[in-house]
Amino acid sequence: MEENLSYEAAYKELEQIYQDINNEEVSIDELAEKVKRASVLIGFCQRKLRGTEEEIEGILREG
């Protein structure tokens, strides 16, 4: 996973993968790779969201 990938960029890429698959723009040969990439991006987004939630909770506890 790219270290400088932002949540927004990952989410945008996920949306594109979803659209490509939904519009049948992905060949059978590409499908497994697209699904694998989507899985990685989903994990990245989940970690990013959890980290942000923990950071906000920490700020609120301090305040």
PDB file of N, CA and C in Angstrom:
ATOM      1  N   MET A   1       0.850  -1.182   0.000  1.00  0.00           N
ATOM      2  CA  MET A   1       0.000   0.000   0.000  1.00  0.00           C
ATOM      3  C   MET A   1       0.888   1.236   0.000  1.00  0.00           C
ATOM      4  N   GLU A   2       0.542   2.205  -0.771  1.00  0.00           N
ATOM      5  CA  GLU A   2       1.308   3.441  -0.839  1.00  0.00           C
ATOM      6  C   GLU A   2       1.213   4.170   0.488  1.00  0.00           C
ATOM      7  N   GLU A   3       2.355   4.617   1.017  1.00  0.00           N
ATOM      8  CA  GLU A   3       2.365   5.292   2.306  1.00  0.00           C
ATOM      9  C   GLU A   3       1.669   6.640   2.258  1.00  0.00           C
ATOM     10  N   ASN A   4       1.711   7.318   1.128  1.00  0.00           N
ATOM     11  CA  ASN A   4       1.130   8.652   1.039  1.00  0.00           C
ATOM     12  C   ASN A   4      -0.295   8.642   0.494  1.00  0.00           C
ATOM     13  N   LEU A   5      -0.929   7.500   0.459  1.00  0.00           N
ATOM     14  CA  LEU A   5      -2.298   7.389  -0.015  1.00  0.00           C
ATOM     15  C   LEU A   5      -3.233   8.033   1.000  1.00  0.00           C
ATOM     16  N   SER A   6      -4.096   8.899   0.532  1.00  0.00           N
ATOM     17  CA  SER A   6      -5.061   9.532   1.426  1.00  0.00           C
ATOM     18  C   SER A   6      -6.354   8.731   1.431  1.00  0.00           C
ATOM     19  N   TYR A   7      -7.159   8.988   2.441  1.00  0.00           N
ATOM     20  CA  TYR A   7      -8.457   8.336   2.535  1.00  0.00           C
ATOM     21  C   TYR A   7      -9.288   8.675   1.299  1.00  0.00           C
ATOM     22  N   GLU A   8      -9.268   9.937   0.914  1.00  0.00           N
ATOM     23  CA  GLU A   8     -10.065  10.379  -0.230  1.00  0.00           C
ATOM     24  C   GLU A   8      -9.642   9.674  -1.522  1.00  0.00           C
ATOM     25  N   ALA A   9      -8.341   9.528  -1.717  1.00  0.00           N
ATOM     26  CA  ALA A   9      -7.841   8.860  -2.922  1.00  0.00           C
ATOM     27  C   ALA A   9      -8.229   7.379  -2.914  1.00  0.00           C
ATOM     28  N   ALA A  10      -8.119   6.745  -1.754  1.00  0.00           N
ATOM     29  CA  ALA A  10      -8.487   5.326  -1.641  1.00  0.00           C
ATOM     30  C   ALA A  10      -9.978   5.150  -1.899  1.00  0.00           C
ATOM     31  N   TYR A  11     -10.788   6.031  -1.333  1.00  0.00           N
ATOM     32  CA  TYR A  11     -12.233   5.944  -1.515  1.00  0.00           C
ATOM     33  C   TYR A  11     -12.611   6.169  -2.978  1.00  0.00           C
ATOM     34  N   LYS A  12     -11.948   7.127  -3.609  1.00  0.00           N
ATOM     35  CA  LYS A  12     -12.220   7.407  -5.022  1.00  0.00           C
ATOM     36  C   LYS A  12     -11.859   6.195  -5.894  1.00  0.00           C
ATOM     37  N   GLU A  13     -10.729   5.566  -5.590  1.00  0.00           N
ATOM     38  CA  GLU A  13     -10.329   4.371  -6.338  1.00  0.00           C
ATOM     39  C   GLU A  13     -11.319   3.228  -6.119  1.00  0.00           C
ATOM     40  N   LEU A  14     -11.796   3.093  -4.890  1.00  0.00           N
ATOM     41  CA  LEU A  14     -12.810   2.074  -4.604  1.00  0.00           C
ATOM     42  C   LEU A  14     -14.088   2.327  -5.415  1.00  0.00           C
ATOM     43  N   GLU A  15     -14.501   3.576  -5.468  1.00  0.00           N
ATOM     44  CA  GLU A  15     -15.685   3.917  -6.255  1.00  0.00           C
ATOM     45  C   GLU A  15     -15.496   3.558  -7.724  1.00  0.00           C
ATOM     46  N   GLN A  16     -14.294   3.822  -8.246  1.00  0.00           N
ATOM     47  CA  GLN A  16     -14.022   3.514  -9.651  1.00  0.00           C
ATOM     48  C   GLN A  16     -14.048   2.005  -9.898  1.00  0.00           C
ATOM     49  N   ILE A  17     -13.460   1.252  -9.000  1.00  0.00           N
ATOM     50  CA  ILE A  17     -13.479  -0.209  -9.125  1.00  0.00           C
ATOM     51  C   ILE A  17     -14.922  -0.703  -9.112  1.00  0.00           C
ATOM     52  N   TYR A  18     -15.715  -0.175  -8.175  1.00  0.00           N
ATOM     53  CA  TYR A  18     -17.116  -0.570  -8.089  1.00  0.00           C
ATOM     54  C   TYR A  18     -17.856  -0.268  -9.396  1.00  0.00           C
ATOM     55  N   GLN A  19     -17.660   0.930  -9.922  1.00  0.00           N
ATOM     56  CA  GLN A  19     -18.321   1.309 -11.170  1.00  0.00           C
ATOM     57  C   GLN A  19     -17.883   0.425 -12.322  1.00  0.00           C
ATOM     58  N   ASP A  20     -16.591   0.160 -12.407  1.00  0.00           N
ATOM     59  CA  ASP A  20     -16.074  -0.691 -13.483  1.00  0.00           C
ATOM     60  C   ASP A  20     -16.694  -2.087 -13.432  1.00  0.00           C
ATOM     61  N   ILE A  21     -16.754  -2.651 -12.226  1.00  0.00           N
ATOM     62  CA  ILE A  21     -17.323  -3.993 -12.079  1.00  0.00           C
ATOM     63  C   ILE A  21     -18.824  -3.964 -12.354  1.00  0.00           C
ATOM     64  N   ASN A  22     -19.492  -2.957 -11.810  1.00  0.00           N
ATOM     65  CA  ASN A  22     -20.938  -2.846 -11.967  1.00  0.00           C
ATOM     66  C   ASN A  22     -21.343  -2.633 -13.429  1.00  0.00           C
ATOM     67  N   ASN A  23     -20.525  -1.896 -14.177  1.00  0.00           N
ATOM     68  CA  ASN A  23     -20.811  -1.616 -15.584  1.00  0.00           C
ATOM     69  C   ASN A  23     -20.217  -2.670 -16.512  1.00  0.00           C
ATOM     70  N   GLU A  24     -19.711  -3.735 -15.905  1.00  0.00           N
ATOM     71  CA  GLU A  24     -19.108  -4.838 -16.652  1.00  0.00           C
ATOM     72  C   GLU A  24     -17.963  -4.375 -17.550  1.00  0.00           C
ATOM     73  N   GLU A  25     -17.191  -3.401 -17.053  1.00  0.00           N
ATOM     74  CA  GLU A  25     -16.039  -2.892 -17.787  1.00  0.00           C
ATOM     75  C   GLU A  25     -14.759  -3.625 -17.419  1.00  0.00           C
ATOM     76  N   VAL A  26     -14.877  -4.643 -16.573  1.00  0.00           N
ATOM     77  CA  VAL A  26     -13.717  -5.407 -16.124  1.00  0.00           C
ATOM     78  C   VAL A  26     -13.812  -6.793 -16.747  1.00  0.00           C
ATOM     79  N   SER A  27     -12.737  -7.193 -17.394  1.00  0.00           N
ATOM     80  CA  SER A  27     -12.719  -8.534 -17.978  1.00  0.00           C
ATOM     81  C   SER A  27     -12.575  -9.570 -16.875  1.00  0.00           C
ATOM     82  N   ILE A  28     -12.909 -10.771 -17.180  1.00  0.00           N
ATOM     83  CA  ILE A  28     -12.766 -11.874 -16.223  1.00  0.00           C
ATOM     84  C   ILE A  28     -11.315 -11.979 -15.762  1.00  0.00           C
ATOM     85  N   ASP A  29     -10.384 -11.716 -16.672  1.00  0.00           N
ATOM     86  CA  ASP A  29      -8.960 -11.792 -16.329  1.00  0.00           C
ATOM     87  C   ASP A  29      -8.568 -10.736 -15.299  1.00  0.00           C
ATOM     88  N   GLU A  30      -9.228  -9.589 -15.301  1.00  0.00           N
ATOM     89  CA  GLU A  30      -8.914  -8.494 -14.382  1.00  0.00           C
ATOM     90  C   GLU A  30      -9.701  -8.564 -13.082  1.00  0.00           C
ATOM     91  N   LEU A  31     -10.784  -9.291 -13.076  1.00  0.00           N
ATOM     92  CA  LEU A  31     -11.715  -9.275 -11.957  1.00  0.00           C
ATOM     93  C   LEU A  31     -11.052  -9.619 -10.627  1.00  0.00           C
ATOM     94  N   ALA A  32     -10.292 -10.685 -10.570  1.00  0.00           N
ATOM     95  CA  ALA A  32      -9.651 -11.088  -9.311  1.00  0.00           C
ATOM     96  C   ALA A  32      -8.708 -10.000  -8.806  1.00  0.00           C
ATOM     97  N   GLU A  33      -7.951  -9.381  -9.715  1.00  0.00           N
ATOM     98  CA  GLU A  33      -7.033  -8.310  -9.314  1.00  0.00           C
ATOM     99  C   GLU A  33      -7.794  -7.101  -8.780  1.00  0.00           C
ATOM    100  N   LYS A  34      -8.888  -6.754  -9.418  1.00  0.00           N
ATOM    101  CA  LYS A  34      -9.702  -5.614  -8.973  1.00  0.00           C
ATOM    102  C   LYS A  34     -10.294  -5.888  -7.590  1.00  0.00           C
ATOM    103  N   VAL A  35     -10.782  -7.096  -7.387  1.00  0.00           N
ATOM    104  CA  VAL A  35     -11.366  -7.454  -6.094  1.00  0.00           C
ATOM    105  C   VAL A  35     -10.287  -7.455  -5.016  1.00  0.00           C
ATOM    106  N   LYS A  36      -9.111  -7.959  -5.346  1.00  0.00           N
ATOM    107  CA  LYS A  36      -7.993  -7.972  -4.399  1.00  0.00           C
ATOM    108  C   LYS A  36      -7.594  -6.540  -4.021  1.00  0.00           C
ATOM    109  N   ARG A  37      -7.507  -5.663  -5.010  1.00  0.00           N
ATOM    110  CA  ARG A  37      -7.157  -4.261  -4.762  1.00  0.00           C
ATOM    111  C   ARG A  37      -8.238  -3.595  -3.907  1.00  0.00           C
ATOM    112  N   ALA A  38      -9.502  -3.880  -4.202  1.00  0.00           N
ATOM    113  CA  ALA A  38     -10.600  -3.313  -3.416  1.00  0.00           C
ATOM    114  C   ALA A  38     -10.497  -3.754  -1.962  1.00  0.00           C
ATOM    115  N   SER A  39     -10.143  -5.007  -1.730  1.00  0.00           N
ATOM    116  CA  SER A  39      -9.999  -5.514  -0.373  1.00  0.00           C
ATOM    117  C   SER A  39      -8.900  -4.756   0.386  1.00  0.00           C
ATOM    118  N   VAL A  40      -7.793  -4.510  -0.278  1.00  0.00           N
ATOM    119  CA  VAL A  40      -6.695  -3.753   0.330  1.00  0.00           C
ATOM    120  C   VAL A  40      -7.151  -2.325   0.652  1.00  0.00           C
ATOM    121  N   LEU A  41      -7.845  -1.703  -0.284  1.00  0.00           N
ATOM    122  CA  LEU A  41      -8.312  -0.332  -0.084  1.00  0.00           C
ATOM    123  C   LEU A  41      -9.341  -0.240   1.046  1.00  0.00           C
ATOM    124  N   ILE A  42     -10.221  -1.225   1.138  1.00  0.00           N
ATOM    125  CA  ILE A  42     -11.214  -1.244   2.212  1.00  0.00           C
ATOM    126  C   ILE A  42     -10.511  -1.350   3.568  1.00  0.00           C
ATOM    127  N   GLY A  43      -9.530  -2.224   3.662  1.00  0.00           N
ATOM    128  CA  GLY A  43      -8.762  -2.353   4.901  1.00  0.00           C
ATOM    129  C   GLY A  43      -8.064  -1.055   5.271  1.00  0.00           C
ATOM    130  N   PHE A  44      -7.477  -0.390   4.285  1.00  0.00           N
ATOM    131  CA  PHE A  44      -6.811   0.889   4.512  1.00  0.00           C
ATOM    132  C   PHE A  44      -7.805   1.917   5.042  1.00  0.00           C
ATOM    133  N   CYS A  45      -8.969   2.022   4.406  1.00  0.00           N
ATOM    134  CA  CYS A  45      -9.985   2.996   4.824  1.00  0.00           C
ATOM    135  C   CYS A  45     -10.484   2.692   6.234  1.00  0.00           C
ATOM    136  N   GLN A  46     -10.702   1.430   6.547  1.00  0.00           N
ATOM    137  CA  GLN A  46     -11.154   1.059   7.883  1.00  0.00           C
ATOM    138  C   GLN A  46     -10.124   1.451   8.943  1.00  0.00           C
ATOM    139  N   ARG A  47      -8.845   1.182   8.666  1.00  0.00           N
ATOM    140  CA  ARG A  47      -7.787   1.553   9.618  1.00  0.00           C
ATOM    141  C   ARG A  47      -7.715   3.060   9.787  1.00  0.00           C
ATOM    142  N   LYS A  48      -7.847   3.778   8.698  1.00  0.00           N
ATOM    143  CA  LYS A  48      -7.789   5.237   8.737  1.00  0.00           C
ATOM    144  C   LYS A  48      -8.955   5.791   9.565  1.00  0.00           C
ATOM    145  N   LEU A  49     -10.152   5.250   9.350  1.00  0.00           N
ATOM    146  CA  LEU A  49     -11.316   5.702  10.106  1.00  0.00           C
ATOM    147  C   LEU A  49     -11.176   5.392  11.591  1.00  0.00           C
ATOM    148  N   ARG A  50     -10.706   4.176  11.917  1.00  0.00           N
ATOM    149  CA  ARG A  50     -10.503   3.813  13.326  1.00  0.00           C
ATOM    150  C   ARG A  50      -9.472   4.722  13.983  1.00  0.00           C
ATOM    151  N   GLY A  51      -8.387   4.994  13.277  1.00  0.00           N
ATOM    152  CA  GLY A  51      -7.350   5.869  13.818  1.00  0.00           C
ATOM    153  C   GLY A  51      -7.869   7.270  14.074  1.00  0.00           C
ATOM    154  N   THR A  52      -8.661   7.781  13.164  1.00  0.00           N
ATOM    155  CA  THR A  52      -9.235   9.115  13.327  1.00  0.00           C
ATOM    156  C   THR A  52     -10.211   9.132  14.495  1.00  0.00           C
ATOM    157  N   GLU A  53     -11.023   8.091  14.613  1.00  0.00           N
ATOM    158  CA  GLU A  53     -11.974   7.996  15.720  1.00  0.00           C
ATOM    159  C   GLU A  53     -11.241   7.981  17.056  1.00  0.00           C
ATOM    160  N   GLU A  54     -10.174   7.193  17.151  1.00  0.00           N
ATOM    161  CA  GLU A  54      -9.396   7.121  18.390  1.00  0.00           C
ATOM    162  C   GLU A  54      -8.749   8.468  18.705  1.00  0.00           C
ATOM    163  N   GLU A  55      -8.262   9.143  17.686  1.00  0.00           N
ATOM    164  CA  GLU A  55      -7.641  10.451  17.884  1.00  0.00           C
ATOM    165  C   GLU A  55      -8.661  11.466  18.404  1.00  0.00           C
ATOM    166  N   ILE A  56      -9.843  11.468  17.822  1.00  0.00           N
ATOM    167  CA  ILE A  56     -10.898  12.398  18.257  1.00  0.00           C
ATOM    168  C   ILE A  56     -11.333  12.083  19.676  1.00  0.00           C
ATOM    169  N   GLU A  57     -11.499  10.806  19.989  1.00  0.00           N
ATOM    170  CA  GLU A  57     -11.879  10.419  21.352  1.00  0.00           C
ATOM    171  C   GLU A  57     -10.822  10.872  22.355  1.00  0.00           C
ATOM    172  N   GLY A  58      -9.544  10.756  21.987  1.00  0.00           N
ATOM    173  CA  GLY A  58      -8.461  11.213  22.854  1.00  0.00           C
ATOM    174  C   GLY A  58      -8.511  12.709  23.077  1.00  0.00           C
ATOM    175  N   ILE A  59      -8.782  13.452  22.027  1.00  0.00           N
ATOM    176  CA  ILE A  59      -8.888  14.915  22.150  1.00  0.00           C
ATOM    177  C   ILE A  59     -10.054  15.284  23.048  1.00  0.00           C
ATOM    178  N   LEU A  60     -11.184  14.616  22.862  1.00  0.00           N
ATOM    179  CA  LEU A  60     -12.361  14.922  23.672  1.00  0.00           C
ATOM    180  C   LEU A  60     -12.148  14.569  25.142  1.00  0.00           C
ATOM    181  N   ARG A  61     -11.416  13.498  25.423  1.00  0.00           N
ATOM    182  CA  ARG A  61     -11.125  13.115  26.811  1.00  0.00           C
ATOM    183  C   ARG A  61     -10.244  14.162  27.480  1.00  0.00           C
ATOM    184  N   GLU A  62      -9.303  14.715  26.718  1.00  0.00           N
ATOM    185  CA  GLU A  62      -8.385  15.718  27.275  1.00  0.00           C
ATOM    186  C   GLU A  62      -9.089  17.041  27.545  1.00  0.00           C
ATOM    187  N   GLY A  63     -10.083  17.355  26.702  1.00  0.00           N
ATOM    188  CA  GLY A  63     -10.753  18.658  26.774  1.00  0.00           C
ATOM    189  C   GLY A  63     -11.790  18.669  27.809  1.00  0.00           C
TER     190      GLY A  63
END
